[in-house]
């Protein structure tokens, strides 16, 4: 099933399908960085 990775609020976070309600923080930024502007897998 396709999960979703999104970058926001100072993190890169993984949302697990099929409900995408389970969230795991993969990476936390420091220094005030809010998130990525683009990404690939």
ModelCIF file with pLDDT and N, C-alpha, C, O atoms, coordinates in Angstrom:
data_MODEL
#
_entry.id   MODEL 
#
_entity.id                         1 
_entity.type                       polymer 
_entity.pdbx_number_of_molecules   1 
#
_entity_poly.entity_id                      1 
_entity_poly.type                           'polypeptide(L)' 
_entity_poly.nstd_linkage                   no 
_entity_poly.nstd_monomer                   no 
_entity_poly.pdbx_seq_one_letter_code       
;(UNK)(UNK)(UNK)(UNK)(UNK)(UNK)(UNK)(UNK)(UNK)(UNK)(UNK)(UNK)(UNK)(UNK)(UNK)(UNK)
(UNK)(UNK)(UNK)(UNK)(UNK)(UNK)(UNK)(UNK)(UNK)(UNK)(UNK)(UNK)(UNK)(UNK)(UNK)(UNK)
(UNK)(UNK)(UNK)(UNK)(UNK)(UNK)(UNK)(UNK)(UNK)
;
_entity_poly.pdbx_seq_one_letter_code_can   XXXXXXXXXXXXXXXXXXXXXXXXXXXXXXXXXXXXXXXXX 
_entity_poly.pdbx_strand_id                 A 
#
loop_
_entity_poly_seq.entity_id 
_entity_poly_seq.num 
_entity_poly_seq.mon_id 
_entity_poly_seq.hetero 
1 1  UNK n 
1 2  UNK n 
1 3  UNK n 
1 4  UNK n 
1 5  UNK n 
1 6  UNK n 
1 7  UNK n 
1 8  UNK n 
1 9  UNK n 
1 10 UNK n 
1 11 UNK n 
1 12 UNK n 
1 13 UNK n 
1 14 UNK n 
1 15 UNK n 
1 16 UNK n 
1 17 UNK n 
1 18 UNK n 
1 19 UNK n 
1 20 UNK n 
1 21 UNK n 
1 22 UNK n 
1 23 UNK n 
1 24 UNK n 
1 25 UNK n 
1 26 UNK n 
1 27 UNK n 
1 28 UNK n 
1 29 UNK n 
1 30 UNK n 
1 31 UNK n 
1 32 UNK n 
1 33 UNK n 
1 34 UNK n 
1 35 UNK n 
1 36 UNK n 
1 37 UNK n 
1 38 UNK n 
1 39 UNK n 
1 40 UNK n 
1 41 UNK n 
#
_struct_asym.id          A 
_struct_asym.entity_id   1 
#
loop_
_ma_qa_metric.id 
_ma_qa_metric.mode 
_ma_qa_metric.name 
_ma_qa_metric.software_group_id 
_ma_qa_metric.type 
1 global pLDDT . pLDDT 
2 local  pLDDT . pLDDT 
#
_ma_qa_metric_global.metric_id      1 
_ma_qa_metric_global.metric_value   95.71 
_ma_qa_metric_global.model_id       1 
_ma_qa_metric_global.ordinal_id     1 
#
loop_
_ma_qa_metric_local.label_asym_id 
_ma_qa_metric_local.label_comp_id 
_ma_qa_metric_local.label_seq_id 
_ma_qa_metric_local.metric_id 
_ma_qa_metric_local.metric_value 
_ma_qa_metric_local.model_id 
_ma_qa_metric_local.ordinal_id 
A UNK 1  2 97.00 1 1  
A UNK 2  2 98.00 1 2  
A UNK 3  2 98.00 1 3  
A UNK 4  2 98.00 1 4  
A UNK 5  2 98.00 1 5  
A UNK 6  2 98.00 1 6  
A UNK 7  2 97.00 1 7  
A UNK 8  2 97.00 1 8  
A UNK 9  2 96.00 1 9  
A UNK 10 2 96.00 1 10 
A UNK 11 2 96.00 1 11 
A UNK 12 2 97.00 1 12 
A UNK 13 2 97.00 1 13 
A UNK 14 2 97.00 1 14 
A UNK 15 2 97.00 1 15 
A UNK 16 2 97.00 1 16 
A UNK 17 2 97.00 1 17 
A UNK 18 2 96.00 1 18 
A UNK 19 2 96.00 1 19 
A UNK 20 2 97.00 1 20 
A UNK 21 2 95.00 1 21 
A UNK 22 2 95.00 1 22 
A UNK 23 2 96.00 1 23 
A UNK 24 2 95.00 1 24 
A UNK 25 2 96.00 1 25 
A UNK 26 2 96.00 1 26 
A UNK 27 2 96.00 1 27 
A UNK 28 2 95.00 1 28 
A UNK 29 2 95.00 1 29 
A UNK 30 2 90.00 1 30 
A UNK 31 2 88.00 1 31 
A UNK 32 2 88.00 1 32 
A UNK 33 2 91.00 1 33 
A UNK 34 2 92.00 1 34 
A UNK 35 2 94.00 1 35 
A UNK 36 2 96.00 1 36 
A UNK 37 2 95.00 1 37 
A UNK 38 2 97.00 1 38 
A UNK 39 2 98.00 1 39 
A UNK 40 2 98.00 1 40 
A UNK 41 2 98.00 1 41 
#
loop_
_atom_site.group_PDB 
_atom_site.id 
_atom_site.type_symbol 
_atom_site.label_atom_id 
_atom_site.label_alt_id 
_atom_site.label_comp_id 
_atom_site.label_asym_id 
_atom_site.label_entity_id 
_atom_site.label_seq_id 
_atom_site.pdbx_PDB_ins_code 
_atom_site.Cartn_x 
_atom_site.Cartn_y 
_atom_site.Cartn_z 
_atom_site.occupancy 
_atom_site.B_iso_or_equiv 
_atom_site.pdbx_formal_charge 
_atom_site.auth_seq_id 
_atom_site.auth_comp_id 
_atom_site.auth_asym_id 
_atom_site.auth_atom_id 
_atom_site.pdbx_PDB_model_num 
ATOM 1   N N  . UNK A 1 1  ? 0.850  -1.185 0.000  1.00 97.00 ? 1  UNK A N  1 
ATOM 2   C CA . UNK A 1 1  ? 0.000  0.000  0.000  1.00 97.00 ? 1  UNK A CA 1 
ATOM 3   C C  . UNK A 1 1  ? 0.888  1.238  0.000  1.00 97.00 ? 1  UNK A C  1 
ATOM 4   O O  . UNK A 1 1  ? 2.001  1.210  0.526  1.00 97.00 ? 1  UNK A O  1 
ATOM 5   N N  . UNK A 1 2  ? 0.399  2.318  -0.587 1.00 98.00 ? 2  UNK A N  1 
ATOM 6   C CA . UNK A 1 2  ? 1.212  3.521  -0.718 1.00 98.00 ? 2  UNK A CA 1 
ATOM 7   C C  . UNK A 1 2  ? 1.076  4.435  0.498  1.00 98.00 ? 2  UNK A C  1 
ATOM 8   O O  . UNK A 1 2  ? 0.007  4.974  0.784  1.00 98.00 ? 2  UNK A O  1 
ATOM 9   N N  . UNK A 1 3  ? 2.186  4.587  1.193  1.00 98.00 ? 3  UNK A N  1 
ATOM 10  C CA . UNK A 1 3  ? 2.290  5.526  2.297  1.00 98.00 ? 3  UNK A CA 1 
ATOM 11  C C  . UNK A 1 3  ? 2.675  6.898  1.734  1.00 98.00 ? 3  UNK A C  1 
ATOM 12  O O  . UNK A 1 3  ? 2.982  7.021  0.549  1.00 98.00 ? 3  UNK A O  1 
ATOM 13  N N  . UNK A 1 4  ? 2.659  7.911  2.575  1.00 98.00 ? 4  UNK A N  1 
ATOM 14  C CA . UNK A 1 4  ? 2.962  9.275  2.132  1.00 98.00 ? 4  UNK A CA 1 
ATOM 15  C C  . UNK A 1 4  ? 4.041  9.868  3.024  1.00 98.00 ? 4  UNK A C  1 
ATOM 16  O O  . UNK A 1 4  ? 3.978  9.756  4.248  1.00 98.00 ? 4  UNK A O  1 
ATOM 17  N N  . UNK A 1 5  ? 5.034  10.500 2.403  1.00 98.00 ? 5  UNK A N  1 
ATOM 18  C CA . UNK A 1 5  ? 6.042  11.270 3.122  1.00 98.00 ? 5  UNK A CA 1 
ATOM 19  C C  . UNK A 1 5  ? 5.841  12.742 2.795  1.00 98.00 ? 5  UNK A C  1 
ATOM 20  O O  . UNK A 1 5  ? 5.786  13.126 1.627  1.00 98.00 ? 5  UNK A O  1 
ATOM 21  N N  . UNK A 1 6  ? 5.732  13.560 3.832  1.00 98.00 ? 6  UNK A N  1 
ATOM 22  C CA . UNK A 1 6  ? 5.534  14.997 3.665  1.00 98.00 ? 6  UNK A CA 1 
ATOM 23  C C  . UNK A 1 6  ? 6.492  15.744 4.579  1.00 98.00 ? 6  UNK A C  1 
ATOM 24  O O  . UNK A 1 6  ? 6.855  15.253 5.648  1.00 98.00 ? 6  UNK A O  1 
ATOM 25  N N  . UNK A 1 7  ? 6.900  16.936 4.151  1.00 97.00 ? 7  UNK A N  1 
ATOM 26  C CA . UNK A 1 7  ? 7.803  17.766 4.942  1.00 97.00 ? 7  UNK A CA 1 
ATOM 27  C C  . UNK A 1 7  ? 7.081  19.039 5.365  1.00 97.00 ? 7  UNK A C  1 
ATOM 28  O O  . UNK A 1 7  ? 6.631  19.817 4.524  1.00 97.00 ? 7  UNK A O  1 
ATOM 29  N N  . UNK A 1 8  ? 6.974  19.245 6.680  1.00 97.00 ? 8  UNK A N  1 
ATOM 30  C CA . UNK A 1 8  ? 6.231  20.397 7.213  1.00 97.00 ? 8  UNK A CA 1 
ATOM 31  C C  . UNK A 1 8  ? 6.562  20.544 8.689  1.00 97.00 ? 8  UNK A C  1 
ATOM 32  O O  . UNK A 1 8  ? 7.030  19.598 9.322  1.00 97.00 ? 8  UNK A O  1 
ATOM 33  N N  . UNK A 1 9  ? 6.319  21.727 9.238  1.00 96.00 ? 9  UNK A N  1 
ATOM 34  C CA . UNK A 1 9  ? 6.487  22.004 10.669 1.00 96.00 ? 9  UNK A CA 1 
ATOM 35  C C  . UNK A 1 9  ? 7.835  21.530 11.212 1.00 96.00 ? 9  UNK A C  1 
ATOM 36  O O  . UNK A 1 9  ? 7.907  20.995 12.318 1.00 96.00 ? 9  UNK A O  1 
ATOM 37  N N  . UNK A 1 10 ? 8.896  21.726 10.439 1.00 96.00 ? 10 UNK A N  1 
ATOM 38  C CA . UNK A 1 10 ? 10.230 21.373 10.893 1.00 96.00 ? 10 UNK A CA 1 
ATOM 39  C C  . UNK A 1 10 ? 10.559 19.900 10.859 1.00 96.00 ? 10 UNK A C  1 
ATOM 40  O O  . UNK A 1 10 ? 11.523 19.469 11.492 1.00 96.00 ? 10 UNK A O  1 
ATOM 41  N N  . UNK A 1 11 ? 9.766  19.105 10.121 1.00 96.00 ? 11 UNK A N  1 
ATOM 42  C CA . UNK A 1 11 ? 9.990  17.664 10.085 1.00 96.00 ? 11 UNK A CA 1 
ATOM 43  C C  . UNK A 1 11 ? 9.883  17.122 8.664  1.00 96.00 ? 11 UNK A C  1 
ATOM 44  O O  . UNK A 1 11 ? 9.393  17.791 7.753  1.00 96.00 ? 11 UNK A O  1 
ATOM 45  N N  . UNK A 1 12 ? 10.359 15.887 8.506  1.00 97.00 ? 12 UNK A N  1 
ATOM 46  C CA . UNK A 1 12 ? 9.964  15.014 7.409  1.00 97.00 ? 12 UNK A CA 1 
ATOM 47  C C  . UNK A 1 12 ? 9.215  13.866 8.070  1.00 97.00 ? 12 UNK A C  1 
ATOM 48  O O  . UNK A 1 12 ? 9.775  13.180 8.925  1.00 97.00 ? 12 UNK A O  1 
ATOM 49  N N  . UNK A 1 13 ? 7.958  13.643 7.690  1.00 97.00 ? 13 UNK A N  1 
ATOM 50  C CA . UNK A 1 13 ? 7.110  12.696 8.397  1.00 97.00 ? 13 UNK A CA 1 
ATOM 51  C C  . UNK A 1 13 ? 6.490  11.676 7.447  1.00 97.00 ? 13 UNK A C  1 
ATOM 52  O O  . UNK A 1 13 ? 6.189  11.975 6.292  1.00 97.00 ? 13 UNK A O  1 
ATOM 53  N N  . UNK A 1 14 ? 6.309  10.472 7.964  1.00 97.00 ? 14 UNK A N  1 
ATOM 54  C CA . UNK A 1 14 ? 5.729  9.359  7.214  1.00 97.00 ? 14 UNK A CA 1 
ATOM 55  C C  . UNK A 1 14 ? 4.329  9.068  7.726  1.00 97.00 ? 14 UNK A C  1 
ATOM 56  O O  . UNK A 1 14 ? 4.110  8.956  8.932  1.00 97.00 ? 14 UNK A O  1 
ATOM 57  N N  . UNK A 1 15 ? 3.369  8.945  6.789  1.00 97.00 ? 15 UNK A N  1 
ATOM 58  C CA . UNK A 1 15 ? 1.986  8.607  7.117  1.00 97.00 ? 15 UNK A CA 1 
ATOM 59  C C  . UNK A 1 15 ? 1.674  7.241  6.496  1.00 97.00 ? 15 UNK A C  1 
ATOM 60  O O  . UNK A 1 15 ? 1.820  7.048  5.289  1.00 97.00 ? 15 UNK A O  1 
ATOM 61  N N  . UNK A 1 16 ? 1.244  6.302  7.338  1.00 97.00 ? 16 UNK A N  1 
ATOM 62  C CA . UNK A 1 16 ? 1.094  4.915  6.928  1.00 97.00 ? 16 UNK A CA 1 
ATOM 63  C C  . UNK A 1 16 ? -0.303 4.642  6.369  1.00 97.00 ? 16 UNK A C  1 
ATOM 64  O O  . UNK A 1 16 ? -1.310 4.945  7.010  1.00 97.00 ? 16 UNK A O  1 
ATOM 65  N N  . UNK A 1 17 ? -0.348 4.062  5.160  1.00 97.00 ? 17 UNK A N  1 
ATOM 66  C CA . UNK A 1 17 ? -1.604 3.616  4.543  1.00 97.00 ? 17 UNK A CA 1 
ATOM 67  C C  . UNK A 1 17 ? -2.108 2.375  5.275  1.00 97.00 ? 17 UNK A C  1 
ATOM 68  O O  . UNK A 1 17 ? -1.305 1.678  5.895  1.00 97.00 ? 17 UNK A O  1 
ATOM 69  N N  . UNK A 1 18 ? -3.418 2.069  5.227  1.00 96.00 ? 18 UNK A N  1 
ATOM 70  C CA . UNK A 1 18 ? -4.407 2.674  4.327  1.00 96.00 ? 18 UNK A CA 1 
ATOM 71  C C  . UNK A 1 18 ? -5.161 3.881  4.879  1.00 96.00 ? 18 UNK A C  1 
ATOM 72  O O  . UNK A 1 18 ? -5.885 4.538  4.132  1.00 96.00 ? 18 UNK A O  1 
ATOM 73  N N  . UNK A 1 19 ? -5.009 4.190  6.174  1.00 96.00 ? 19 UNK A N  1 
ATOM 74  C CA . UNK A 1 19 ? -5.757 5.331  6.711  1.00 96.00 ? 19 UNK A CA 1 
ATOM 75  C C  . UNK A 1 19 ? -4.918 6.595  6.766  1.00 96.00 ? 19 UNK A C  1 
ATOM 76  O O  . UNK A 1 19 ? -5.463 7.696  6.841  1.00 96.00 ? 19 UNK A O  1 
ATOM 77  N N  . UNK A 1 20 ? -3.578 6.452  6.730  1.00 97.00 ? 20 UNK A N  1 
ATOM 78  C CA . UNK A 1 20 ? -2.647 7.573  6.837  1.00 97.00 ? 20 UNK A CA 1 
ATOM 79  C C  . UNK A 1 20 ? -2.799 8.321  8.170  1.00 97.00 ? 20 UNK A C  1 
ATOM 80  O O  . UNK A 1 20 ? -2.429 9.490  8.288  1.00 97.00 ? 20 UNK A O  1 
ATOM 81  N N  . UNK A 1 21 ? -3.349 7.624  9.163  1.00 95.00 ? 21 UNK A N  1 
ATOM 82  C CA . UNK A 1 21 ? -3.510 8.228  10.485 1.00 95.00 ? 21 UNK A CA 1 
ATOM 83  C C  . UNK A 1 21 ? -2.298 7.988  11.380 1.00 95.00 ? 21 UNK A C  1 
ATOM 84  O O  . UNK A 1 21 ? -2.036 8.776  12.288 1.00 95.00 ? 21 UNK A O  1 
ATOM 85  N N  . UNK A 1 22 ? -1.553 6.902  11.131 1.00 95.00 ? 22 UNK A N  1 
ATOM 86  C CA . UNK A 1 22 ? -0.315 6.656  11.863 1.00 95.00 ? 22 UNK A CA 1 
ATOM 87  C C  . UNK A 1 22 ? 0.780  7.536  11.289 1.00 95.00 ? 22 UNK A C  1 
ATOM 88  O O  . UNK A 1 22 ? 1.049  7.498  10.088 1.00 95.00 ? 22 UNK A O  1 
ATOM 89  N N  . UNK A 1 23 ? 1.412  8.329  12.145 1.00 96.00 ? 23 UNK A N  1 
ATOM 90  C CA . UNK A 1 23 ? 2.446  9.256  11.696 1.00 96.00 ? 23 UNK A CA 1 
ATOM 91  C C  . UNK A 1 23 ? 3.743  8.973  12.446 1.00 96.00 ? 23 UNK A C  1 
ATOM 92  O O  . UNK A 1 23 ? 3.750  8.809  13.666 1.00 96.00 ? 23 UNK A O  1 
ATOM 93  N N  . UNK A 1 24 ? 4.843  8.917  11.689 1.00 95.00 ? 24 UNK A N  1 
ATOM 94  C CA . UNK A 1 24 ? 6.164  8.721  12.276 1.00 95.00 ? 24 UNK A CA 1 
ATOM 95  C C  . UNK A 1 24 ? 7.087  9.821  11.762 1.00 95.00 ? 24 UNK A C  1 
ATOM 96  O O  . UNK A 1 24 ? 7.190  10.037 10.555 1.00 95.00 ? 24 UNK A O  1 
ATOM 97  N N  . UNK A 1 25 ? 7.752  10.509 12.674 1.00 96.00 ? 25 UNK A N  1 
ATOM 98  C CA . UNK A 1 25 ? 8.700  11.549 12.294 1.00 96.00 ? 25 UNK A CA 1 
ATOM 99  C C  . UNK A 1 25 ? 10.015 10.880 11.895 1.00 96.00 ? 25 UNK A C  1 
ATOM 100 O O  . UNK A 1 25 ? 10.654 10.216 12.710 1.00 96.00 ? 25 UNK A O  1 
ATOM 101 N N  . UNK A 1 26 ? 10.409 11.060 10.639 1.00 96.00 ? 26 UNK A N  1 
ATOM 102 C CA . UNK A 1 26 ? 11.632 10.464 10.109 1.00 96.00 ? 26 UNK A CA 1 
ATOM 103 C C  . UNK A 1 26 ? 12.848 11.341 10.376 1.00 96.00 ? 26 UNK A C  1 
ATOM 104 O O  . UNK A 1 26 ? 13.961 10.845 10.555 1.00 96.00 ? 26 UNK A O  1 
ATOM 105 N N  . UNK A 1 27 ? 12.620 12.655 10.400 1.00 96.00 ? 27 UNK A N  1 
ATOM 106 C CA . UNK A 1 27 ? 13.737 13.587 10.525 1.00 96.00 ? 27 UNK A CA 1 
ATOM 107 C C  . UNK A 1 27 ? 13.221 14.909 11.082 1.00 96.00 ? 27 UNK A C  1 
ATOM 108 O O  . UNK A 1 27 ? 12.150 15.380 10.700 1.00 96.00 ? 27 UNK A O  1 
ATOM 109 N N  . UNK A 1 28 ? 14.000 15.504 11.994 1.00 95.00 ? 28 UNK A N  1 
ATOM 110 C CA . UNK A 1 28 ? 13.672 16.827 12.524 1.00 95.00 ? 28 UNK A CA 1 
ATOM 111 C C  . UNK A 1 28 ? 14.776 17.813 12.138 1.00 95.00 ? 28 UNK A C  1 
ATOM 112 O O  . UNK A 1 28 ? 15.965 17.534 12.297 1.00 95.00 ? 28 UNK A O  1 
ATOM 113 N N  . UNK A 1 29 ? 14.353 18.971 11.628 1.00 95.00 ? 29 UNK A N  1 
ATOM 114 C CA . UNK A 1 29 ? 15.311 20.001 11.264 1.00 95.00 ? 29 UNK A CA 1 
ATOM 115 C C  . UNK A 1 29 ? 15.676 20.833 12.489 1.00 95.00 ? 29 UNK A C  1 
ATOM 116 O O  . UNK A 1 29 ? 14.926 20.900 13.463 1.00 95.00 ? 29 UNK A O  1 
ATOM 117 N N  . UNK A 1 30 ? 16.832 21.459 12.417 1.00 90.00 ? 30 UNK A N  1 
ATOM 118 C CA . UNK A 1 30 ? 17.267 22.390 13.454 1.00 90.00 ? 30 UNK A CA 1 
ATOM 119 C C  . UNK A 1 30 ? 17.473 23.764 12.823 1.00 90.00 ? 30 UNK A C  1 
ATOM 120 O O  . UNK A 1 30 ? 17.452 23.910 11.601 1.00 90.00 ? 30 UNK A O  1 
ATOM 121 N N  . UNK A 1 31 ? 17.669 24.755 13.664 1.00 88.00 ? 31 UNK A N  1 
ATOM 122 C CA . UNK A 1 31 ? 17.985 26.091 13.169 1.00 88.00 ? 31 UNK A CA 1 
ATOM 123 C C  . UNK A 1 31 ? 16.825 26.828 12.535 1.00 88.00 ? 31 UNK A C  1 
ATOM 124 O O  . UNK A 1 31 ? 17.034 27.778 11.782 1.00 88.00 ? 31 UNK A O  1 
ATOM 125 N N  . UNK A 1 32 ? 15.616 26.409 12.825 1.00 88.00 ? 32 UNK A N  1 
ATOM 126 C CA . UNK A 1 32 ? 14.454 27.112 12.326 1.00 88.00 ? 32 UNK A CA 1 
ATOM 127 C C  . UNK A 1 32 ? 13.968 26.700 10.956 1.00 88.00 ? 32 UNK A C  1 
ATOM 128 O O  . UNK A 1 32 ? 13.025 27.298 10.439 1.00 88.00 ? 32 UNK A O  1 
ATOM 129 N N  . UNK A 1 33 ? 14.591 25.680 10.339 1.00 91.00 ? 33 UNK A N  1 
ATOM 130 C CA . UNK A 1 33 ? 14.128 25.196 9.039  1.00 91.00 ? 33 UNK A CA 1 
ATOM 131 C C  . UNK A 1 33 ? 12.736 24.604 9.170  1.00 91.00 ? 33 UNK A C  1 
ATOM 132 O O  . UNK A 1 33 ? 12.507 23.744 10.021 1.00 91.00 ? 33 UNK A O  1 
ATOM 133 N N  . UNK A 1 34 ? 11.809 25.050 8.343  1.00 92.00 ? 34 UNK A N  1 
ATOM 134 C CA . UNK A 1 34 ? 10.419 24.606 8.446  1.00 92.00 ? 34 UNK A CA 1 
ATOM 135 C C  . UNK A 1 34 ? 10.127 23.342 7.646  1.00 92.00 ? 34 UNK A C  1 
ATOM 136 O O  . UNK A 1 34 ? 9.232  22.571 7.994  1.00 92.00 ? 34 UNK A O  1 
ATOM 137 N N  . UNK A 1 35 ? 10.890 23.132 6.564  1.00 94.00 ? 35 UNK A N  1 
ATOM 138 C CA . UNK A 1 35 ? 10.635 21.948 5.767  1.00 94.00 ? 35 UNK A CA 1 
ATOM 139 C C  . UNK A 1 35 ? 11.311 22.032 4.417  1.00 94.00 ? 35 UNK A C  1 
ATOM 140 O O  . UNK A 1 35 ? 11.908 23.051 4.068  1.00 94.00 ? 35 UNK A O  1 
ATOM 141 N N  . UNK A 1 36 ? 11.214 20.953 3.662  1.00 96.00 ? 36 UNK A N  1 
ATOM 142 C CA . UNK A 1 36 ? 11.814 20.891 2.335  1.00 96.00 ? 36 UNK A CA 1 
ATOM 143 C C  . UNK A 1 36 ? 10.910 21.555 1.302  1.00 96.00 ? 36 UNK A C  1 
ATOM 144 O O  . UNK A 1 36 ? 9.696  21.655 1.484  1.00 96.00 ? 36 UNK A O  1 
ATOM 145 N N  . UNK A 1 37 ? 11.526 22.003 0.223  1.00 95.00 ? 37 UNK A N  1 
ATOM 146 C CA . UNK A 1 37 ? 10.772 22.618 -0.856 1.00 95.00 ? 37 UNK A CA 1 
ATOM 147 C C  . UNK A 1 37 ? 10.435 21.615 -1.947 1.00 95.00 ? 37 UNK A C  1 
ATOM 148 O O  . UNK A 1 37 ? 9.498  21.837 -2.713 1.00 95.00 ? 37 UNK A O  1 
ATOM 149 N N  . UNK A 1 38 ? 11.190 20.495 -2.038 1.00 97.00 ? 38 UNK A N  1 
ATOM 150 C CA . UNK A 1 38 ? 10.906 19.470 -3.029 1.00 97.00 ? 38 UNK A CA 1 
ATOM 151 C C  . UNK A 1 38 ? 11.533 18.159 -2.573 1.00 97.00 ? 38 UNK A C  1 
ATOM 152 O O  . UNK A 1 38 ? 12.415 18.160 -1.714 1.00 97.00 ? 38 UNK A O  1 
ATOM 153 N N  . UNK A 1 39 ? 11.082 17.031 -3.146 1.00 98.00 ? 39 UNK A N  1 
ATOM 154 C CA . UNK A 1 39 ? 11.577 15.732 -2.693 1.00 98.00 ? 39 UNK A CA 1 
ATOM 155 C C  . UNK A 1 39 ? 11.396 14.673 -3.771 1.00 98.00 ? 39 UNK A C  1 
ATOM 156 O O  . UNK A 1 39 ? 10.654 14.860 -4.735 1.00 98.00 ? 39 UNK A O  1 
ATOM 157 N N  . UNK A 1 40 ? 12.098 13.546 -3.583 1.00 98.00 ? 40 UNK A N  1 
ATOM 158 C CA . UNK A 1 40 ? 12.026 12.393 -4.473 1.00 98.00 ? 40 UNK A CA 1 
ATOM 159 C C  . UNK A 1 40 ? 12.201 11.122 -3.655 1.00 98.00 ? 40 UNK A C  1 
ATOM 160 O O  . UNK A 1 40 ? 12.687 11.168 -2.525 1.00 98.00 ? 40 UNK A O  1 
ATOM 161 N N  . UNK A 1 41 ? 11.805 9.981  -4.228 1.00 98.00 ? 41 UNK A N  1 
ATOM 162 C CA . UNK A 1 41 ? 12.091 8.688  -3.626 1.00 98.00 ? 41 UNK A CA 1 
ATOM 163 C C  . UNK A 1 41 ? 12.856 7.840  -4.635 1.00 98.00 ? 41 UNK A C  1 
ATOM 164 O O  . UNK A 1 41 ? 13.207 6.697  -4.340 1.00 98.00 ? 41 UNK A O  1 
#
